[in-house]
């Protein structure tokens, strides 16, 4: 009997609760919190089977209880989740923008580094080219130095006795006399030739040897055309004695052809050349150019 009475009472309470709900399409309307006094006070204290039950009444749900309808979740839960999603979306958008900015910055830095790399690569290639050129020049200079060093050593060995050095040449003054032709042959056997005079200083140096001697100048090939033993024609400087060359006073039948040139020691340094018969016997000077 007690169980049945309680079941009836609960059914009544459910019926009252159903009337308090609203449809999802109409939204959720706030209903005052707590219990409603839809029944008289006599219903609040009921005697069932001789036992008193107090405050047995229908309750009115509060909006914070989250009313559920067949159409979905209603109330503040929806609003809270929406706010959380909006916050997450805003945070992710901000992070995306920050990442995009970082990406742009890194892209710019990468491009700058690429430009710097290209510039350095070009400079490296230029330096490598310069290095290769300098290395080649160094090797050439090394070869020339070795050649000249060997040549100088040979000259020192060859010219050690009776040779004198002046500027870039070595000079040998004979201690005997020979014809111009024989004198030249002697020089050539020594790896040299009769001296060729190219400057005032060289002329003065030779004159101070204080001997009359053959030099490497002749017109024996073509009369009147004086050439040095290396085949170059006489130009300047010229250090002729007064009235020379005269080819024997222009009397070759009396004095013979004077086709070879020597330095006359009795003249002044810059006026000491004289033409003489090539068959005359004089000292001679050989020259080796270093």
Protein backbone atom coordinates (compact mmCIF):
# COMPACT_ATOMS: atom_id res chain seq x y z
CA UNK A 1 0.00 0.00 0.00
CA UNK A 2 2.82 2.40 0.87
CA UNK A 3 4.75 1.59 -2.34
CA UNK A 4 1.69 2.20 -4.50
CA UNK A 5 0.95 5.50 -2.83
CA UNK A 6 4.54 6.66 -3.38
CA UNK A 7 4.41 5.67 -7.07
CA UNK A 8 1.25 7.71 -7.57
CA UNK A 9 2.84 10.66 -5.89
CA UNK A 10 5.93 10.48 -8.12
CA UNK A 11 3.77 10.28 -11.25
CA UNK A 12 2.09 13.48 -10.18
CA UNK A 13 5.40 15.17 -9.64
CA UNK A 14 6.63 14.14 -13.13
CA UNK A 15 3.45 15.50 -14.69
CA UNK A 16 4.05 18.85 -13.05
CA UNK A 17 7.72 18.87 -14.21
CA UNK A 18 6.71 18.15 -17.82
CA UNK A 19 4.49 21.23 -17.85
CA UNK A 20 7.46 23.35 -16.77
CA UNK A 21 9.64 22.44 -19.80
CA UNK A 22 9.61 24.36 -23.06
CA UNK A 23 10.48 23.29 -26.57
CA UNK A 24 14.04 23.62 -27.95
CA UNK A 25 12.74 25.77 -30.84
CA UNK A 26 11.47 28.34 -28.34
CA UNK A 27 14.74 28.52 -26.37
CA UNK A 28 15.17 28.08 -22.61
CA UNK A 29 13.21 30.42 -20.36
CA UNK A 30 14.26 31.12 -16.84
CA UNK A 31 11.93 29.75 -14.20
CA UNK A 32 12.35 30.75 -10.61
CA UNK A 33 14.62 28.43 -8.66
CA UNK A 34 13.32 26.10 -5.94
CA UNK A 35 9.99 24.44 -5.45
CA UNK A 36 6.54 25.71 -6.52
CA UNK A 37 3.62 25.78 -4.13
CA UNK A 38 1.05 24.50 -6.63
CA UNK A 39 -0.69 22.49 -3.98
CA UNK A 40 -2.30 23.46 -0.65
CA UNK A 41 -0.39 23.15 2.57
CA UNK A 42 -2.27 19.96 3.30
CA UNK A 43 -0.33 18.34 0.51
CA UNK A 44 2.96 19.32 2.01
CA UNK A 45 2.42 17.19 5.13
CA UNK A 46 0.72 13.95 4.12
CA UNK A 47 -0.21 11.05 6.28
CA UNK A 48 0.37 7.83 4.47
CA UNK A 49 -0.36 4.64 6.33
CA UNK A 50 -0.12 6.49 9.59
CA UNK A 51 3.29 8.09 8.70
CA UNK A 52 3.81 11.79 8.08
CA UNK A 53 5.71 12.85 4.91
CA UNK A 54 6.68 16.52 4.77
CA UNK A 55 7.39 18.81 1.77
CA UNK A 56 6.59 16.19 -0.81
CA UNK A 57 6.03 18.49 -3.80
CA UNK A 58 7.06 19.08 -7.35
CA UNK A 59 10.34 20.97 -7.87
CA UNK A 60 11.00 23.55 -10.50
CA UNK A 61 14.32 23.06 -12.31
CA UNK A 62 16.81 25.92 -12.41
CA UNK A 63 18.40 27.08 -15.66
CA UNK A 64 21.76 26.13 -14.22
CA UNK A 65 20.59 22.50 -14.11
CA UNK A 66 20.82 22.38 -17.91
CA UNK A 67 17.42 21.43 -19.27
CA UNK A 68 17.58 18.82 -22.02
CA UNK A 69 15.08 18.48 -24.83
CA UNK A 70 14.83 16.09 -27.74
CA UNK A 71 16.38 18.73 -30.08
CA UNK A 72 19.83 19.05 -28.36
CA UNK A 73 21.69 20.65 -25.43
CA UNK A 74 20.18 23.91 -24.18
CA UNK A 75 21.60 26.51 -21.81
CA UNK A 76 24.82 27.76 -20.54
CA UNK A 77 26.76 24.62 -21.54
CA UNK A 78 26.36 25.64 -25.19
CA UNK A 79 27.47 29.17 -24.44
CA UNK A 80 30.51 28.01 -22.45
CA UNK A 81 31.67 25.60 -25.13
CA UNK A 82 31.18 28.25 -27.82
CA UNK A 83 33.27 30.73 -25.82
CA UNK A 84 35.99 28.13 -25.32
CA UNK A 85 36.02 27.34 -29.05
CA UNK A 86 36.15 31.04 -29.91
CA UNK A 87 39.06 31.52 -27.52
CA UNK A 88 40.88 28.52 -29.01
CA UNK A 89 40.24 29.83 -32.54
CA UNK A 90 41.55 33.27 -31.63
CA UNK A 91 44.67 31.78 -30.04
CA UNK A 92 45.33 29.56 -33.04
CA UNK A 93 44.81 32.49 -35.44
CA UNK A 94 47.28 34.56 -33.44
CA UNK A 95 49.80 31.71 -33.42
CA UNK A 96 49.32 31.25 -37.18
CA UNK A 97 50.02 34.94 -37.78
CA UNK A 98 53.10 34.75 -35.59
CA UNK A 99 54.32 31.69 -37.50
CA UNK A 100 53.67 33.45 -40.81
CA UNK A 101 55.69 36.46 -39.63
CA UNK A 102 58.51 34.17 -38.50
CA UNK A 103 58.39 32.36 -41.83
CA UNK A 104 58.60 35.64 -43.77
CA UNK A 105 61.53 36.80 -41.62
CA UNK A 106 63.39 33.52 -42.10
CA UNK A 107 62.71 33.63 -45.86
CA UNK A 108 64.18 37.14 -46.04
CA UNK A 109 67.22 36.10 -43.99
CA UNK A 110 67.67 33.05 -46.22
CA UNK A 111 67.64 35.24 -49.33
CA UNK A 112 70.18 37.62 -47.75
CA UNK A 113 72.40 34.67 -46.84
CA UNK A 114 72.09 33.33 -50.39
CA UNK A 115 73.14 36.71 -51.78
CA UNK A 116 76.09 36.84 -49.38
CA UNK A 117 77.03 33.29 -50.33
CA UNK A 118 76.93 34.13 -54.05
CA UNK A 119 79.08 37.24 -53.47
CA UNK A 120 81.62 35.30 -51.41
CA UNK A 121 81.69 32.54 -54.02
CA UNK A 122 82.45 35.10 -56.74
CA UNK A 123 85.20 36.71 -54.63
CA UNK A 124 86.63 33.27 -53.88
CA UNK A 125 86.77 32.46 -57.59
CA UNK A 126 88.48 35.80 -58.32
CA UNK A 127 91.01 35.15 -55.56
CA UNK A 128 91.59 31.65 -56.89
CA UNK A 129 92.25 33.08 -60.37
CA UNK A 130 94.66 35.64 -58.91
CA UNK A 131 96.35 32.93 -56.88
CA UNK A 132 96.77 30.73 -59.96
CA UNK A 133 98.20 33.66 -61.94
CA UNK A 134 100.64 34.58 -59.17
CA UNK A 135 101.64 30.94 -58.77
CA UNK A 136 102.38 30.72 -62.50
CA UNK A 137 104.40 33.96 -62.39
CA UNK A 138 106.28 32.73 -59.32
CA UNK A 139 107.17 29.49 -61.09
CA UNK A 140 108.36 31.43 -64.13
CA UNK A 141 110.48 33.71 -61.97
CA UNK A 142 111.86 30.69 -60.12
CA UNK A 143 112.83 29.13 -63.44
CA UNK A 144 114.48 32.35 -64.62
CA UNK A 145 116.31 32.74 -61.32
CA UNK A 146 117.60 29.19 -61.48
CA UNK A 147 118.71 29.76 -65.06
CA UNK A 148 120.48 33.02 -64.25
CA UNK A 149 121.99 31.55 -61.11
CA UNK A 150 123.43 28.67 -63.10
CA UNK A 151 124.66 31.03 -65.78
CA UNK A 152 126.26 33.29 -63.19
CA UNK A 153 127.97 30.31 -61.59
CA UNK A 154 129.33 29.28 -64.98
CA UNK A 155 130.50 32.80 -65.63
CA UNK A 156 132.26 32.96 -62.28
CA UNK A 157 134.01 29.70 -63.04
CA UNK A 158 134.86 30.80 -66.59
CA UNK A 159 135.70 34.41 -65.79
CA UNK A 160 137.42 33.92 -62.48
CA UNK A 161 140.92 34.65 -63.83
CA UNK A 162 141.58 37.73 -65.94
CA UNK A 163 137.93 38.87 -66.01
CA UNK A 164 136.44 42.04 -64.51
CA UNK A 165 132.78 42.79 -63.86
CA UNK A 166 131.21 46.12 -64.70
CA UNK A 167 127.44 46.71 -64.53
CA UNK A 168 125.84 43.67 -66.19
CA UNK A 169 128.86 42.41 -68.12
CA UNK A 170 132.18 40.65 -67.59
CA UNK A 171 135.28 41.88 -69.46
CA UNK A 172 138.51 40.11 -70.32
CA UNK A 173 141.61 42.12 -71.26
CA UNK A 174 144.19 40.09 -73.17
CA UNK A 175 147.84 39.98 -72.21
CA UNK A 176 149.04 39.42 -75.78
CA UNK A 177 148.39 40.98 -79.16
CA UNK A 178 146.62 39.55 -82.22
CA UNK A 179 144.89 40.66 -85.38
CA UNK A 180 141.24 41.74 -85.13
CA UNK A 181 140.05 38.43 -86.58
CA UNK A 182 142.25 36.30 -84.28
CA UNK A 183 141.24 38.42 -81.32
CA UNK A 184 137.57 37.77 -82.00
CA UNK A 185 138.20 34.04 -82.35
CA UNK A 186 139.83 34.04 -78.92
CA UNK A 187 136.81 35.78 -77.39
CA UNK A 188 134.42 33.30 -78.96
CA UNK A 189 136.45 30.39 -77.57
CA UNK A 190 135.90 31.95 -74.15
CA UNK A 191 132.13 32.04 -74.71
CA UNK A 192 132.19 35.79 -75.38
CA UNK A 193 132.79 38.28 -78.22
CA UNK A 194 134.69 41.49 -78.81
CA UNK A 195 133.29 44.28 -76.66
CA UNK A 196 130.25 46.33 -77.76
CA UNK A 197 130.07 49.79 -76.21
CA UNK A 198 126.61 51.06 -75.29
CA UNK A 199 127.10 53.96 -72.87
CA UNK A 200 129.38 56.75 -71.68
CA UNK A 201 130.05 54.86 -68.45
CA UNK A 202 131.13 51.73 -70.31
CA UNK A 203 133.40 53.77 -72.61
CA UNK A 204 135.08 55.45 -69.63
CA UNK A 205 135.50 52.12 -67.83
CA UNK A 206 137.24 50.60 -70.87
CA UNK A 207 139.45 53.64 -71.43
CA UNK A 208 140.74 53.33 -67.85
CA UNK A 209 142.15 49.90 -68.68
CA UNK A 210 144.98 52.04 -70.10
CA UNK A 211 145.74 49.96 -73.17
CA UNK A 212 145.01 50.29 -76.83
CA UNK A 213 142.82 47.33 -77.84
CA UNK A 214 140.43 46.06 -80.43
CA UNK A 215 136.66 46.56 -79.97
CA UNK A 216 133.88 44.74 -81.79
CA UNK A 217 133.24 47.37 -84.50
CA UNK A 218 134.10 46.98 -88.22
CA UNK A 219 133.10 47.97 -91.76
CA UNK A 220 134.88 45.05 -93.34
CA UNK A 221 131.64 43.72 -94.83
CA UNK A 222 130.58 46.99 -96.49
CA UNK A 223 133.00 49.88 -96.70
CA UNK A 224 131.70 52.90 -94.83
CA UNK A 225 128.97 50.95 -93.01
CA UNK A 226 130.18 50.23 -89.49
CA UNK A 227 128.44 47.42 -87.62
CA UNK A 228 128.98 45.75 -84.24
CA UNK A 229 129.82 42.07 -83.97
CA UNK A 230 126.19 41.29 -83.02
CA UNK A 231 125.06 42.67 -86.39
CA UNK A 232 123.58 45.99 -85.17
CA UNK A 233 124.65 49.14 -87.01
CA UNK A 234 126.59 51.90 -85.27
CA UNK A 235 124.30 54.72 -84.17
CA UNK A 236 125.02 56.49 -80.89
CA UNK A 237 127.04 56.91 -78.81
CA UNK A 238 130.20 57.54 -80.90
CA UNK A 239 133.61 58.29 -79.43
CA UNK A 240 135.82 58.99 -82.47
CA UNK A 241 139.16 60.70 -82.27
CA UNK A 242 139.36 63.91 -84.32
CA UNK A 243 139.14 63.32 -88.10
CA UNK A 244 138.30 59.64 -87.60
CA UNK A 245 137.42 57.31 -89.19
CA UNK A 246 139.52 58.17 -92.24
CA UNK A 247 140.30 54.75 -93.79
CA UNK A 248 144.05 55.47 -93.84
CA UNK A 249 143.69 59.10 -94.82
CA UNK A 250 141.67 57.94 -97.79
CA UNK A 251 144.85 56.38 -99.18
CA UNK A 252 144.21 52.62 -98.80
CA UNK A 253 146.82 51.85 -101.43
CA UNK A 254 149.43 53.45 -99.17
CA UNK A 255 148.23 52.55 -95.67
CA UNK A 256 145.93 49.63 -96.43
CA UNK A 257 142.22 49.34 -95.75
CA UNK A 258 141.36 50.46 -92.21
CA UNK A 259 138.19 48.47 -91.55
CA UNK A 260 138.51 47.65 -87.82
CA UNK A 261 138.17 49.92 -84.79
CA UNK A 262 140.27 50.16 -81.64
CA UNK A 263 140.54 52.42 -78.60
CA UNK A 264 143.61 54.68 -78.73
CA UNK A 265 145.00 55.08 -75.21
CA UNK A 266 146.73 58.41 -75.94
CA UNK A 267 143.41 60.18 -76.59
CA UNK A 268 140.72 61.45 -74.16
CA UNK A 269 138.08 58.97 -72.89
CA UNK A 270 135.30 60.17 -75.17
CA UNK A 271 137.50 60.84 -78.20
CA UNK A 272 139.54 57.67 -78.46
CA UNK A 273 138.16 55.54 -81.31
CA UNK A 274 140.30 55.06 -84.37
CA UNK A 275 140.04 52.88 -87.48
CA UNK A 276 143.02 50.69 -88.28
CA UNK A 277 144.00 47.85 -90.56
CA UNK A 278 142.42 44.63 -89.31
CA UNK A 279 145.78 42.88 -89.80
CA UNK A 280 147.46 45.02 -87.16
CA UNK A 281 148.23 43.28 -83.89
CA UNK A 282 146.72 44.81 -80.72
CA UNK A 283 145.42 43.75 -77.36
CA UNK A 284 141.71 43.06 -77.27
CA UNK A 285 138.79 43.08 -74.83
CA UNK A 286 136.17 40.33 -74.71
CA UNK A 287 132.70 40.87 -73.19
CA UNK A 288 130.19 38.47 -71.66
CA UNK A 289 126.76 39.90 -70.92
CA UNK A 290 125.27 38.41 -67.74
